[in-house]
Amino acid sequence: MDSQKGVGTTPEDMTLVGFVVLLLKQWKVMLACVTCVMLLTLAALWLKPVKYGFATMYAVASYETLEGEREGLETPEEVIAKLENVFIEQQRRQLLEDESVEGIPFDIDVTNPRNTLLLRIMSESQAVHQPMIERFHEGIVTSIQQDQEQQVERLTAGLNAQQEAYSQALEAAQASNSENARELEASFFEKMLQLERRIESINPGDATQLAVQSLEPVGIGSSFILAFGVLVALLLAPLAAVFSVFVKQVAAAYRRAQ
């Protein structure tokens, strides 16, 4: 009879129902755990800075090919390489010198939307830093424009030189009495028209928008953080209760051993 008294009370013989009941008795521990986790979650939401995206779109210098397609004087990848290795660093140093700040509170990410001649310059930061971001993006755009203006000038000069050469050849063909003079005239005239159309089609490149702020905050949303906090609280509460039961059982066993 004595050996049956402790049945269902020792950890070895405890049933699942008994274990759940034992956990429910630790509701104060679970409530305290849930409260602490939710307070930490709310504190994280309160302290988390709200960041927005600031986007600048820039169309690289381009011209129209004979097939009627737009082609860049440089590929967007080549312009991005210059930005990442030269222009962004130059602008960063200049801004640090002018603003006398220890660091710039935003990063610069440059991408090329697929199948376009556009550059997307993106920064993420708090709205209070928008004036600094606008200045930074404007400096980058100015650097790109100055670099591409030189290429436009070289291309225009080369095309004008070709057009002048064809013009002289056309005059020589018009003055000639050879049999194929008329064919040469038509060919040279067509070449001149093609060069003129190409010169007129040159787009020197420009910014279609400058540091435009996104309508919604970027990054991890508040709803996600709150949901994650609730999930963590629901997972930790039973673990805290189990740990509390374990500590009490160890304490009881230690007292019995004494």
C-alpha atoms as a PDB file:
ATOM      1  CA  MET A   1       0.000   0.000   0.000  1.00  0.00           C
ATOM      2  CA  ASP A   2       2.788   2.392   0.937  1.00  0.00           C
ATOM      3  CA  SER A   3       4.443   1.844  -2.407  1.00  0.00           C
ATOM      4  CA  GLN A   4       1.292   3.052  -4.203  1.00  0.00           C
ATOM      5  CA  LYS A   5       0.922   6.372  -2.350  1.00  0.00           C
ATOM      6  CA  GLY A   6       3.335   8.280  -4.545  1.00  0.00           C
ATOM      7  CA  VAL A   7       1.972   6.990  -7.853  1.00  0.00           C
ATOM      8  CA  GLY A   8       1.218   9.945 -10.198  1.00  0.00           C
ATOM      9  CA  THR A   9       3.174  12.436  -8.107  1.00  0.00           C
ATOM     10  CA  THR A  10       6.775  11.677  -9.007  1.00  0.00           C
ATOM     11  CA  PRO A  11       8.278  13.039 -12.247  1.00  0.00           C
ATOM     12  CA  GLU A  12       8.763   9.483 -13.553  1.00  0.00           C
ATOM     13  CA  ASP A  13       5.094   8.555 -13.173  1.00  0.00           C
ATOM     14  CA  MET A  14       3.547  11.925 -14.109  1.00  0.00           C
ATOM     15  CA  THR A  15       0.983  11.681 -16.939  1.00  0.00           C
ATOM     16  CA  LEU A  16       0.613  14.199 -19.768  1.00  0.00           C
ATOM     17  CA  VAL A  17      -2.549  15.586 -18.217  1.00  0.00           C
ATOM     18  CA  GLY A  18      -0.830  15.935 -14.901  1.00  0.00           C
ATOM     19  CA  PHE A  19       2.098  17.672 -16.556  1.00  0.00           C
ATOM     20  CA  VAL A  20      -0.194  20.178 -18.304  1.00  0.00           C
ATOM     21  CA  VAL A  21      -2.021  20.853 -15.053  1.00  0.00           C
ATOM     22  CA  LEU A  22       1.307  21.411 -13.366  1.00  0.00           C
ATOM     23  CA  LEU A  23       2.271  23.918 -16.078  1.00  0.00           C
ATOM     24  CA  LEU A  24      -1.046  25.730 -15.777  1.00  0.00           C
ATOM     25  CA  LYS A  25      -0.348  26.187 -12.099  1.00  0.00           C
ATOM     26  CA  GLN A  26       2.654  28.232 -13.225  1.00  0.00           C
ATOM     27  CA  TRP A  27       0.412  30.805 -14.917  1.00  0.00           C
ATOM     28  CA  LYS A  28       2.044  33.617 -13.008  1.00  0.00           C
ATOM     29  CA  VAL A  29       5.442  32.636 -14.434  1.00  0.00           C
ATOM     30  CA  MET A  30       4.036  32.423 -17.968  1.00  0.00           C
ATOM     31  CA  LEU A  31       2.199  35.720 -17.587  1.00  0.00           C
ATOM     32  CA  ALA A  32       5.363  37.393 -16.344  1.00  0.00           C
ATOM     33  CA  CYS A  33       7.315  35.964 -19.293  1.00  0.00           C
ATOM     34  CA  VAL A  34       4.731  37.130 -21.835  1.00  0.00           C
ATOM     35  CA  THR A  35       4.623  40.575 -20.216  1.00  0.00           C
ATOM     36  CA  CYS A  36       8.404  40.964 -20.322  1.00  0.00           C
ATOM     37  CA  VAL A  37       8.655  39.877 -23.961  1.00  0.00           C
ATOM     38  CA  MET A  38       5.832  42.179 -25.053  1.00  0.00           C
ATOM     39  CA  LEU A  39       7.354  45.099 -23.160  1.00  0.00           C
ATOM     40  CA  LEU A  40      10.649  44.481 -24.942  1.00  0.00           C
ATOM     41  CA  THR A  41       8.779  44.280 -28.260  1.00  0.00           C
ATOM     42  CA  LEU A  42       6.996  47.558 -27.633  1.00  0.00           C
ATOM     43  CA  ALA A  43      10.279  49.165 -26.616  1.00  0.00           C
ATOM     44  CA  ALA A  44      11.857  47.952 -29.859  1.00  0.00           C
ATOM     45  CA  LEU A  45       8.952  49.425 -31.831  1.00  0.00           C
ATOM     46  CA  TRP A  46       9.298  52.716 -29.991  1.00  0.00           C
ATOM     47  CA  LEU A  47      13.061  52.973 -30.395  1.00  0.00           C
ATOM     48  CA  LYS A  48      13.201  51.642 -33.968  1.00  0.00           C
ATOM     49  CA  PRO A  49      13.965  54.549 -36.334  1.00  0.00           C
ATOM     50  CA  VAL A  50      11.487  54.975 -39.178  1.00  0.00           C
ATOM     51  CA  LYS A  51      13.414  54.934 -42.442  1.00  0.00           C
ATOM     52  CA  TYR A  52      12.282  55.912 -45.910  1.00  0.00           C
ATOM     53  CA  GLY A  53      13.728  55.246 -49.321  1.00  0.00           C
ATOM     54  CA  PHE A  54      15.046  58.149 -51.393  1.00  0.00           C
ATOM     55  CA  ALA A  55      15.370  57.385 -55.093  1.00  0.00           C
ATOM     56  CA  THR A  56      17.075  59.250 -57.915  1.00  0.00           C
ATOM     57  CA  MET A  57      16.557  58.104 -61.507  1.00  0.00           C
ATOM     58  CA  TYR A  58      19.153  59.027 -64.125  1.00  0.00           C
ATOM     59  CA  ALA A  59      18.996  58.324 -67.862  1.00  0.00           C
ATOM     60  CA  VAL A  60      22.500  57.744 -69.250  1.00  0.00           C
ATOM     61  CA  ALA A  61      23.616  59.546 -72.403  1.00  0.00           C
ATOM     62  CA  SER A  62      22.422  57.725 -75.501  1.00  0.00           C
ATOM     63  CA  TYR A  63      21.789  57.986 -79.229  1.00  0.00           C
ATOM     64  CA  GLU A  64      19.596  56.292 -81.803  1.00  0.00           C
ATOM     65  CA  THR A  65      21.114  53.584 -83.990  1.00  0.00           C
ATOM     66  CA  LEU A  66      20.347  53.048 -87.669  1.00  0.00           C
ATOM     67  CA  GLU A  67      17.871  50.371 -86.593  1.00  0.00           C
ATOM     68  CA  GLY A  68      15.983  52.919 -84.506  1.00  0.00           C
ATOM     69  CA  GLU A  69      17.079  51.504 -81.140  1.00  0.00           C
ATOM     70  CA  ARG A  70      18.468  53.496 -78.245  1.00  0.00           C
ATOM     71  CA  GLU A  71      22.071  52.736 -77.346  1.00  0.00           C
ATOM     72  CA  GLY A  72      24.081  54.252 -74.524  1.00  0.00           C
ATOM     73  CA  LEU A  73      27.368  56.000 -75.092  1.00  0.00           C
ATOM     74  CA  GLU A  74      28.400  53.767 -72.221  1.00  0.00           C
ATOM     75  CA  THR A  75      26.584  50.749 -70.862  1.00  0.00           C
ATOM     76  CA  PRO A  76      24.806  51.301 -67.517  1.00  0.00           C
ATOM     77  CA  GLU A  77      27.216  48.783 -65.980  1.00  0.00           C
ATOM     78  CA  GLU A  78      30.191  50.929 -67.005  1.00  0.00           C
ATOM     79  CA  VAL A  79      28.616  54.038 -65.480  1.00  0.00           C
ATOM     80  CA  ILE A  80      27.825  52.135 -62.261  1.00  0.00           C
ATOM     81  CA  ALA A  81      31.471  51.020 -62.062  1.00  0.00           C
ATOM     82  CA  LYS A  82      32.586  54.659 -62.228  1.00  0.00           C
ATOM     83  CA  LEU A  83      30.061  55.613 -59.587  1.00  0.00           C
ATOM     84  CA  GLU A  84      31.076  52.913 -57.142  1.00  0.00           C
ATOM     85  CA  ASN A  85      34.814  53.372 -57.610  1.00  0.00           C
ATOM     86  CA  VAL A  86      35.176  57.124 -58.118  1.00  0.00           C
ATOM     87  CA  PHE A  87      32.185  59.476 -57.933  1.00  0.00           C
ATOM     88  CA  ILE A  88      30.482  58.220 -54.757  1.00  0.00           C
ATOM     89  CA  GLU A  89      33.716  58.286 -52.789  1.00  0.00           C
ATOM     90  CA  GLN A  90      34.516  61.781 -54.043  1.00  0.00           C
ATOM     91  CA  GLN A  91      31.091  63.042 -53.026  1.00  0.00           C
ATOM     92  CA  ARG A  92      31.321  61.330 -49.638  1.00  0.00           C
ATOM     93  CA  ARG A  93      34.605  63.034 -48.838  1.00  0.00           C
ATOM     94  CA  GLN A  94      33.321  66.395 -49.990  1.00  0.00           C
ATOM     95  CA  LEU A  95      30.185  66.083 -47.876  1.00  0.00           C
ATOM     96  CA  LEU A  96      32.169  65.099 -44.791  1.00  0.00           C
ATOM     97  CA  GLU A  97      34.393  68.135 -45.240  1.00  0.00           C
ATOM     98  CA  ASP A  98      31.510  70.557 -45.791  1.00  0.00           C
ATOM     99  CA  GLU A  99      29.155  69.267 -43.112  1.00  0.00           C
ATOM    100  CA  SER A 100      31.850  68.544 -40.509  1.00  0.00           C
ATOM    101  CA  VAL A 101      30.146  65.294 -39.536  1.00  0.00           C
ATOM    102  CA  GLU A 102      31.761  62.082 -38.361  1.00  0.00           C
ATOM    103  CA  GLY A 103      29.774  59.833 -40.655  1.00  0.00           C
ATOM    104  CA  ILE A 104      27.079  59.767 -43.293  1.00  0.00           C
ATOM    105  CA  PRO A 105      23.817  58.277 -41.923  1.00  0.00           C
ATOM    106  CA  PHE A 106      22.842  56.491 -45.126  1.00  0.00           C
ATOM    107  CA  ASP A 107      24.217  54.184 -47.803  1.00  0.00           C
ATOM    108  CA  ILE A 108      24.174  54.492 -51.584  1.00  0.00           C
ATOM    109  CA  ASP A 109      22.954  51.634 -53.757  1.00  0.00           C
ATOM    110  CA  VAL A 110      23.066  51.979 -57.556  1.00  0.00           C
ATOM    111  CA  THR A 111      21.234  49.548 -59.830  1.00  0.00           C
ATOM    112  CA  ASN A 112      20.162  49.338 -63.461  1.00  0.00           C
ATOM    113  CA  PRO A 113      16.518  48.365 -64.044  1.00  0.00           C
ATOM    114  CA  ARG A 114      16.455  45.508 -66.516  1.00  0.00           C
ATOM    115  CA  ASN A 115      16.429  46.352 -70.234  1.00  0.00           C
ATOM    116  CA  THR A 116      16.704  50.104 -69.639  1.00  0.00           C
ATOM    117  CA  LEU A 117      19.309  52.856 -69.881  1.00  0.00           C
ATOM    118  CA  LEU A 118      18.323  54.125 -66.430  1.00  0.00           C
ATOM    119  CA  LEU A 119      20.301  54.208 -63.203  1.00  0.00           C
ATOM    120  CA  ARG A 120      18.454  53.928 -59.910  1.00  0.00           C
ATOM    121  CA  ILE A 121      20.362  55.594 -57.074  1.00  0.00           C
ATOM    122  CA  MET A 122      18.809  54.572 -53.754  1.00  0.00           C
ATOM    123  CA  SER A 123      19.386  55.622 -50.149  1.00  0.00           C
ATOM    124  CA  GLU A 124      17.555  54.640 -46.973  1.00  0.00           C
ATOM    125  CA  SER A 125      17.463  56.903 -43.932  1.00  0.00           C
ATOM    126  CA  GLN A 126      15.227  58.918 -41.633  1.00  0.00           C
ATOM    127  CA  ALA A 127      13.224  61.764 -43.140  1.00  0.00           C
ATOM    128  CA  VAL A 128      15.264  64.311 -41.172  1.00  0.00           C
ATOM    129  CA  HIS A 129      18.289  63.478 -43.346  1.00  0.00           C
ATOM    130  CA  GLN A 130      16.511  64.202 -46.636  1.00  0.00           C
ATOM    131  CA  PRO A 131      18.337  67.532 -47.290  1.00  0.00           C
ATOM    132  CA  MET A 132      21.710  65.799 -46.915  1.00  0.00           C
ATOM    133  CA  ILE A 133      20.602  62.936 -49.157  1.00  0.00           C
ATOM    134  CA  GLU A 134      19.370  65.369 -51.823  1.00  0.00           C
ATOM    135  CA  ARG A 135      22.705  67.152 -51.748  1.00  0.00           C
ATOM    136  CA  PHE A 136      24.588  63.860 -51.981  1.00  0.00           C
ATOM    137  CA  HIS A 137      22.495  62.595 -54.900  1.00  0.00           C
ATOM    138  CA  GLU A 138      22.739  65.942 -56.662  1.00  0.00           C
ATOM    139  CA  GLY A 139      26.519  65.831 -56.396  1.00  0.00           C
ATOM    140  CA  ILE A 140      26.586  62.323 -57.845  1.00  0.00           C
ATOM    141  CA  VAL A 141      24.301  63.328 -60.723  1.00  0.00           C
ATOM    142  CA  THR A 142      26.511  66.346 -61.462  1.00  0.00           C
ATOM    143  CA  SER A 143      29.593  64.111 -61.586  1.00  0.00           C
ATOM    144  CA  ILE A 144      27.879  61.721 -64.013  1.00  0.00           C
ATOM    145  CA  GLN A 145      26.682  64.577 -66.223  1.00  0.00           C
ATOM    146  CA  GLN A 146      30.113  66.190 -66.403  1.00  0.00           C
ATOM    147  CA  ASP A 147      31.711  62.880 -67.340  1.00  0.00           C
ATOM    148  CA  GLN A 148      29.099  62.090 -69.962  1.00  0.00           C
ATOM    149  CA  GLU A 149      29.145  65.595 -71.425  1.00  0.00           C
ATOM    150  CA  GLN A 150      32.759  64.985 -72.407  1.00  0.00           C
ATOM    151  CA  GLN A 151      31.758  61.784 -74.173  1.00  0.00           C
ATOM    152  CA  VAL A 152      28.868  63.532 -75.930  1.00  0.00           C
ATOM    153  CA  GLU A 153      31.255  66.244 -77.124  1.00  0.00           C
ATOM    154  CA  ARG A 154      33.710  63.665 -78.452  1.00  0.00           C
ATOM    155  CA  LEU A 155      30.956  61.722 -80.194  1.00  0.00           C
ATOM    156  CA  THR A 156      29.418  64.869 -81.693  1.00  0.00           C
ATOM    157  CA  ALA A 157      32.808  66.079 -82.890  1.00  0.00           C
ATOM    158  CA  GLY A 158      33.498  62.707 -84.530  1.00  0.00           C
ATOM    159  CA  LEU A 159      30.106  62.620 -86.241  1.00  0.00           C
ATOM    160  CA  ASN A 160      30.488  66.222 -87.422  1.00  0.00           C
ATOM    161  CA  ALA A 161      33.904  65.366 -88.860  1.00  0.00           C
ATOM    162  CA  GLN A 162      32.399  62.420 -90.749  1.00  0.00           C
ATOM    163  CA  GLN A 163      29.556  64.605 -91.984  1.00  0.00           C
ATOM    164  CA  GLU A 164      32.032  67.200 -93.221  1.00  0.00           C
ATOM    165  CA  ALA A 165      34.025  64.518 -95.026  1.00  0.00           C
ATOM    166  CA  TYR A 166      30.888  63.196 -96.749  1.00  0.00           C
ATOM    167  CA  SER A 167      29.917  66.786 -97.641  1.00  0.00           C
ATOM    168  CA  GLN A 168      33.250  67.311 -99.379  1.00  0.00           C
ATOM    169  CA  ALA A 169      32.931  63.952-101.106  1.00  0.00           C
ATOM    170  CA  LEU A 170      29.424  64.930-102.244  1.00  0.00           C
ATOM    171  CA  GLU A 171      30.700  68.186-103.713  1.00  0.00           C
ATOM    172  CA  ALA A 172      33.448  66.297-105.527  1.00  0.00           C
ATOM    173  CA  ALA A 173      30.915  63.795-106.902  1.00  0.00           C
ATOM    174  CA  GLN A 174      28.640  66.615-108.068  1.00  0.00           C
ATOM    175  CA  ALA A 175      31.552  68.201-109.916  1.00  0.00           C
ATOM    176  CA  SER A 176      32.577  64.904-111.469  1.00  0.00           C
ATOM    177  CA  ASN A 177      31.475  63.752-114.911  1.00  0.00           C
ATOM    178  CA  SER A 178      32.032  60.039-114.246  1.00  0.00           C
ATOM    179  CA  GLU A 179      29.309  57.481-114.935  1.00  0.00           C
ATOM    180  CA  ASN A 180      28.776  56.519-111.309  1.00  0.00           C
ATOM    181  CA  ALA A 181      28.820  60.111-110.043  1.00  0.00           C
ATOM    182  CA  ARG A 182      25.040  60.148-109.542  1.00  0.00           C
ATOM    183  CA  GLU A 183      25.178  56.920-107.507  1.00  0.00           C
ATOM    184  CA  LEU A 184      27.954  58.356-105.365  1.00  0.00           C
ATOM    185  CA  GLU A 185      25.962  61.541-104.827  1.00  0.00           C
ATOM    186  CA  ALA A 186      22.951  59.558-103.592  1.00  0.00           C
ATOM    187  CA  SER A 187      25.119  57.408-101.344  1.00  0.00           C
ATOM    188  CA  PHE A 188      26.982  60.367 -99.826  1.00  0.00           C
ATOM    189  CA  PHE A 189      23.736  62.300 -99.344  1.00  0.00           C
ATOM    190  CA  GLU A 190      22.168  59.330 -97.539  1.00  0.00           C
ATOM    191  CA  LYS A 191      25.219  59.017 -95.291  1.00  0.00           C
ATOM    192  CA  MET A 192      24.975  62.700 -94.402  1.00  0.00           C
ATOM    193  CA  LEU A 193      21.296  62.329 -93.512  1.00  0.00           C
ATOM    194  CA  GLN A 194      22.056  59.319 -91.299  1.00  0.00           C
ATOM    195  CA  LEU A 195      24.794  61.223 -89.488  1.00  0.00           C
ATOM    196  CA  GLU A 196      22.525  64.238 -89.037  1.00  0.00           C
ATOM    197  CA  ARG A 197      19.770  62.067 -87.570  1.00  0.00           C
ATOM    198  CA  ARG A 198      22.260  60.449 -85.220  1.00  0.00           C
ATOM    199  CA  ILE A 199      23.563  63.822 -84.033  1.00  0.00           C
ATOM    200  CA  GLU A 200      20.009  65.084 -83.443  1.00  0.00           C
ATOM    201  CA  SER A 201      19.098  61.895 -81.545  1.00  0.00           C
ATOM    202  CA  ILE A 202      21.851  62.280 -78.967  1.00  0.00           C
ATOM    203  CA  ASN A 203      20.463  62.520 -75.430  1.00  0.00           C
ATOM    204  CA  PRO A 204      23.141  63.998 -73.133  1.00  0.00           C
ATOM    205  CA  GLY A 205      21.630  62.261 -70.094  1.00  0.00           C
ATOM    206  CA  ASP A 206      19.637  63.762 -67.258  1.00  0.00           C
ATOM    207  CA  ALA A 207      17.999  63.029 -63.917  1.00  0.00           C
ATOM    208  CA  THR A 208      14.291  62.283 -64.221  1.00  0.00           C
ATOM    209  CA  GLN A 209      13.818  62.572 -60.435  1.00  0.00           C
ATOM    210  CA  LEU A 210      16.061  63.583 -57.553  1.00  0.00           C
ATOM    211  CA  ALA A 211      15.953  61.967 -54.095  1.00  0.00           C
ATOM    212  CA  VAL A 212      12.189  61.411 -54.127  1.00  0.00           C
ATOM    213  CA  GLN A 213      10.984  60.046 -50.771  1.00  0.00           C
ATOM    214  CA  SER A 214       9.007  56.802 -50.733  1.00  0.00           C
ATOM    215  CA  LEU A 215       5.395  56.960 -49.593  1.00  0.00           C
ATOM    216  CA  GLU A 216       5.808  54.125 -47.092  1.00  0.00           C
ATOM    217  CA  PRO A 217       8.643  53.335 -44.648  1.00  0.00           C
ATOM    218  CA  VAL A 218      11.155  50.739 -45.772  1.00  0.00           C
ATOM    219  CA  GLY A 219      12.761  47.877 -43.887  1.00  0.00           C
ATOM    220  CA  ILE A 220      11.143  45.603 -41.309  1.00  0.00           C
ATOM    221  CA  GLY A 221       7.610  46.753 -40.658  1.00  0.00           C
ATOM    222  CA  SER A 222       6.080  47.360 -37.228  1.00  0.00           C
ATOM    223  CA  SER A 223       3.454  44.672 -37.796  1.00  0.00           C
ATOM    224  CA  PHE A 224       6.171  42.090 -38.449  1.00  0.00           C
ATOM    225  CA  ILE A 225       8.055  43.043 -35.277  1.00  0.00           C
ATOM    226  CA  LEU A 226       4.851  42.881 -33.236  1.00  0.00           C
ATOM    227  CA  ALA A 227       3.885  39.491 -34.682  1.00  0.00           C
ATOM    228  CA  PHE A 228       7.397  38.185 -34.043  1.00  0.00           C
ATOM    229  CA  GLY A 229       7.220  39.409 -30.433  1.00  0.00           C
ATOM    230  CA  VAL A 230       3.888  37.632 -29.885  1.00  0.00           C
ATOM    231  CA  LEU A 231       5.290  34.425 -31.351  1.00  0.00           C
ATOM    232  CA  VAL A 232       8.390  34.572 -29.145  1.00  0.00           C
ATOM    233  CA  ALA A 233       6.238  35.262 -26.091  1.00  0.00           C
ATOM    234  CA  LEU A 234       4.017  32.237 -26.809  1.00  0.00           C
ATOM    235  CA  LEU A 235       7.066  30.028 -27.253  1.00  0.00           C
ATOM    236  CA  LEU A 236       9.000  31.241 -24.225  1.00  0.00           C
ATOM    237  CA  ALA A 237       6.082  31.205 -21.779  1.00  0.00           C
ATOM    238  CA  PRO A 238       5.744  27.363 -21.661  1.00  0.00           C
ATOM    239  CA  LEU A 239       9.532  27.002 -21.553  1.00  0.00           C
ATOM    240  CA  ALA A 240       9.684  29.370 -18.616  1.00  0.00           C
ATOM    241  CA  ALA A 241       6.956  27.366 -16.868  1.00  0.00           C
ATOM    242  CA  VAL A 242       8.817  24.087 -17.494  1.00  0.00           C
ATOM    243  CA  PHE A 243      11.992  25.622 -16.152  1.00  0.00           C
ATOM    244  CA  SER A 244      10.140  26.867 -13.079  1.00  0.00           C
ATOM    245  CA  VAL A 245       8.714  23.371 -12.440  1.00  0.00           C
ATOM    246  CA  PHE A 246      12.149  21.869 -12.933  1.00  0.00           C
ATOM    247  CA  VAL A 247      13.714  24.257 -10.430  1.00  0.00           C
ATOM    248  CA  LYS A 248      10.999  23.490  -7.868  1.00  0.00           C
ATOM    249  CA  GLN A 249      11.402  19.730  -8.323  1.00  0.00           C
ATOM    250  CA  VAL A 250      15.166  20.004  -7.891  1.00  0.00           C
ATOM    251  CA  ALA A 251      14.712  22.136  -4.774  1.00  0.00           C
ATOM    252  CA  ALA A 252      12.232  19.612  -3.341  1.00  0.00           C
ATOM    253  CA  ALA A 253      14.528  16.678  -4.090  1.00  0.00           C
ATOM    254  CA  TYR A 254      17.410  18.503  -2.474  1.00  0.00           C
ATOM    255  CA  ARG A 255      15.395  19.124   0.684  1.00  0.00           C
ATOM    256  CA  ARG A 256      14.360  15.474   0.843  1.00  0.00           C
ATOM    257  CA  ALA A 257      17.953  14.411   0.417  1.00  0.00           C
ATOM    258  CA  GLN A 258      18.916  16.478   3.441  1.00  0.00           C
END
